[in-house]
Protein backbone atom coordinates (compact mmCIF):
# COMPACT_ATOMS: atom_id res chain seq x y z
CA UNK A 1 0.17 0.03 -0.35
CA UNK A 2 1.14 3.49 -1.69
CA UNK A 3 1.11 5.78 2.11
CA UNK A 4 1.15 9.63 1.74
CA UNK A 5 2.02 10.95 5.53
CA UNK A 6 0.70 14.43 5.83
CA UNK A 7 1.06 17.49 7.94
CA UNK A 8 -1.97 19.47 6.63
CA UNK A 9 -5.13 17.66 5.52
CA UNK A 10 -7.27 19.43 3.65
CA UNK A 11 -9.26 16.00 2.24
CA UNK A 12 -10.69 15.66 5.96
CA UNK A 13 -13.73 15.44 4.91
CA UNK A 14 -13.72 12.20 3.05
CA UNK A 15 -13.38 11.11 6.65
CA UNK A 16 -16.36 13.04 7.36
CA UNK A 17 -18.56 11.25 5.16
CA UNK A 18 -17.38 7.96 6.46
CA UNK A 19 -18.48 8.99 10.31
CA UNK A 20 -21.19 10.82 9.85
CA UNK A 21 -22.77 10.39 5.79
CA UNK A 22 -25.84 9.23 6.76
CA UNK A 23 -26.59 5.10 6.09
CA UNK A 24 -24.10 5.00 3.22
CA UNK A 25 -21.44 2.83 5.31
CA UNK A 26 -21.76 0.25 7.44
CA UNK A 27 -20.58 1.74 10.39
CA UNK A 28 -21.67 5.29 10.68
CA UNK A 29 -21.67 7.57 13.80
CA UNK A 30 -25.01 8.68 12.10
CA UNK A 31 -27.92 8.38 15.46
CA UNK A 32 -26.00 9.14 18.05
CA UNK A 33 -23.37 11.73 16.97
CA UNK A 34 -24.16 14.60 14.54
CA UNK A 35 -22.16 17.51 12.77
CA UNK A 36 -18.46 17.66 11.91
CA UNK A 37 -16.71 14.55 12.55
CA UNK A 38 -13.31 16.57 11.52
CA UNK A 39 -11.75 19.54 10.89
CA UNK A 40 -8.56 21.13 8.86
CA UNK A 41 -7.84 22.77 12.78
CA UNK A 42 -8.26 19.42 14.29
CA UNK A 43 -6.22 17.53 12.32
CA UNK A 44 -3.45 20.34 12.70
CA UNK A 45 -3.58 20.40 15.91
CA UNK A 46 -3.28 16.49 16.26
CA UNK A 47 -0.36 16.58 14.08
CA UNK A 48 1.24 19.33 16.11
CA UNK A 49 0.84 17.10 18.61
CA UNK A 50 2.94 14.10 17.52
CA UNK A 51 0.25 12.10 15.10
CA UNK A 52 0.75 10.96 11.98
CA UNK A 53 -2.19 11.19 9.72
CA UNK A 54 -1.09 8.60 6.13
CA UNK A 55 -3.52 8.81 3.56
CA UNK A 56 -3.43 6.29 0.75
CA UNK A 57 -5.00 7.46 -3.01
CA UNK A 58 -5.38 6.13 -6.17
CA UNK A 59 -5.83 8.80 -9.33
CA UNK A 60 -5.63 11.11 -7.41
CA UNK A 61 -8.83 9.61 -5.63
CA UNK A 62 -8.51 9.59 -1.55
CA UNK A 63 -9.70 5.82 -0.91
CA UNK A 64 -8.99 5.58 3.49
CA UNK A 65 -6.42 7.57 5.55
CA UNK A 66 -5.89 6.26 9.86
CA UNK A 67 -3.84 8.88 12.21
CA UNK A 68 -0.71 6.92 14.40
CA UNK A 69 0.25 8.61 17.67
CA UNK A 70 3.62 6.80 19.12
CA UNK A 71 2.14 7.18 23.08
CA UNK A 72 6.06 5.38 24.09
CA UNK A 73 8.64 4.13 22.60
CA UNK A 74 6.83 0.68 21.84
CA UNK A 75 3.01 1.52 21.91
CA UNK A 76 1.17 3.51 19.29
CA UNK A 77 -2.42 4.34 19.52
CA UNK A 78 -4.37 4.04 15.98
CA UNK A 79 -6.99 6.34 15.12
CA UNK A 80 -9.53 7.64 12.57
CA UNK A 81 -9.49 4.34 10.39
CA UNK A 82 -11.52 5.40 7.65
CA UNK A 83 -12.02 3.76 4.50
CA UNK A 84 -14.30 5.71 1.89
CA UNK A 85 -18.01 4.31 1.86
CA UNK A 86 -17.53 3.24 -1.79
CA UNK A 87 -14.79 0.90 -0.52
CA UNK A 88 -16.54 -0.40 2.15
CA UNK A 89 -17.14 -3.85 2.68
CA UNK A 90 -14.37 -4.30 -0.06
CA UNK A 91 -11.61 -6.11 1.88
CA UNK A 92 -9.81 -2.91 1.86
CA UNK A 93 -10.32 -2.01 5.64
CA UNK A 94 -8.27 -4.90 7.06
CA UNK A 95 -6.07 -4.16 3.86
CA UNK A 96 -5.71 -0.24 5.75
CA UNK A 97 -5.27 -1.73 9.74
CA UNK A 98 -3.10 -4.35 8.25
CA UNK A 99 -0.47 -1.61 6.71
CA UNK A 100 -1.23 0.44 9.54
CA UNK A 101 0.67 -2.14 12.03
CA UNK A 102 3.04 -3.19 9.90
CA UNK A 103 4.03 0.69 9.34
CA UNK A 104 4.09 1.40 13.06
CA UNK A 105 5.74 -2.02 13.78
CA UNK A 106 8.56 -0.34 11.55
CA UNK A 107 9.11 1.99 13.96
CA UNK A 108 8.73 -0.10 17.01
CA UNK A 109 5.86 -0.38 18.24
CA UNK A 110 4.90 -3.45 19.95
CA UNK A 111 1.35 -2.88 21.20
CA UNK A 112 -1.19 -1.05 19.00
CA UNK A 113 -4.47 0.65 21.09
CA UNK A 114 -7.30 2.59 19.75
CA UNK A 115 -10.82 3.89 21.23
CA UNK A 116 -14.01 2.92 19.85
CA UNK A 117 -17.42 4.60 20.75
CA UNK A 118 -19.39 2.06 23.43
CA UNK A 119 -22.79 1.42 21.00
CA UNK A 120 -20.52 0.80 17.95
CA UNK A 121 -20.92 -3.09 18.12
CA UNK A 122 -20.16 -3.83 14.32
CA UNK A 123 -17.61 -2.23 14.74
CA UNK A 124 -15.65 -3.26 17.84
CA UNK A 125 -16.63 -7.28 16.10
CA UNK A 126 -14.68 -6.31 13.40
CA UNK A 127 -11.67 -5.40 15.24
CA UNK A 128 -11.86 -8.06 17.61
CA UNK A 129 -11.47 -10.60 14.20
CA UNK A 130 -8.22 -8.74 13.35
CA UNK A 131 -7.25 -9.77 16.85
CA UNK A 132 -8.12 -6.54 19.09
CA UNK A 133 -9.34 -7.49 22.69
CA UNK A 134 -11.11 -5.44 25.00
CA UNK A 135 -9.18 -4.38 27.53
CA UNK A 136 -12.01 -3.35 30.59
CA UNK A 137 -10.88 0.14 30.18
CA UNK A 138 -12.92 2.92 29.30
CA UNK A 139 -12.42 6.61 28.82
CA UNK A 140 -15.17 9.44 29.01
CA UNK A 141 -16.52 10.67 25.67
CA UNK A 142 -15.59 14.16 25.38
CA UNK A 143 -19.15 16.23 25.81
CA UNK A 144 -18.96 19.82 25.37
CA UNK A 145 -15.33 19.79 22.83
CA UNK A 146 -17.67 20.07 19.64
CA UNK A 147 -14.59 19.30 17.52
CA UNK A 148 -15.65 15.78 17.96
CA UNK A 149 -19.83 16.76 16.51
CA UNK A 150 -22.78 16.78 18.86
CA UNK A 151 -23.37 13.63 20.57
CA UNK A 152 -27.64 12.87 20.70
CA UNK A 153 -27.72 10.47 23.80
CA UNK A 154 -26.16 11.29 27.22
CA UNK A 155 -24.76 7.99 27.96
CA UNK A 156 -21.46 7.72 25.41
CA UNK A 157 -18.04 6.67 25.98
CA UNK A 158 -15.05 4.28 24.84
CA UNK A 159 -13.89 1.48 25.06
CA UNK A 160 -10.42 0.26 24.75
CA UNK A 161 -9.25 -2.23 22.77
CA UNK A 162 -5.39 -3.40 22.21
CA UNK A 163 -3.59 -5.58 20.00
CA UNK A 164 0.02 -7.10 20.56
CA UNK A 165 2.35 -7.07 17.59
CA UNK A 166 4.83 -9.08 18.48
CA UNK A 167 5.40 -12.00 16.40
């Protein structure tokens, strides 16, 4: 998979379509979070904090992206794995996830973690089929921070999943 690392991603609206684009994707947040999922300013802030956004394109068309962030020398955080809704259910997400993990391993990662909104059962199950496990840890949903959208429920939180990347 060919990656392009970016320091500013003006195409973040693909990510908005995948997460908040209505019912076009199999794993949308529609129904419990509305509004914009990300902005260029938020991406710049995340990148300034050490996040690396990796994009994959074909003939100038964005196919997907992922955010990787080293938490420590051997533990990385994977977030915002996004596949264009038109490419979902075609195996591209599995390919993108595997390439993301390889990218992190090549830079010293031994463990990768992520957070998923607890009501996204299908997505959690998808990650579990790819070797991730629920840790039992939860993290608070950022209520009041409009940078992540507007929750339509007052009971949202994140579950933490992780995967050991060692052979």
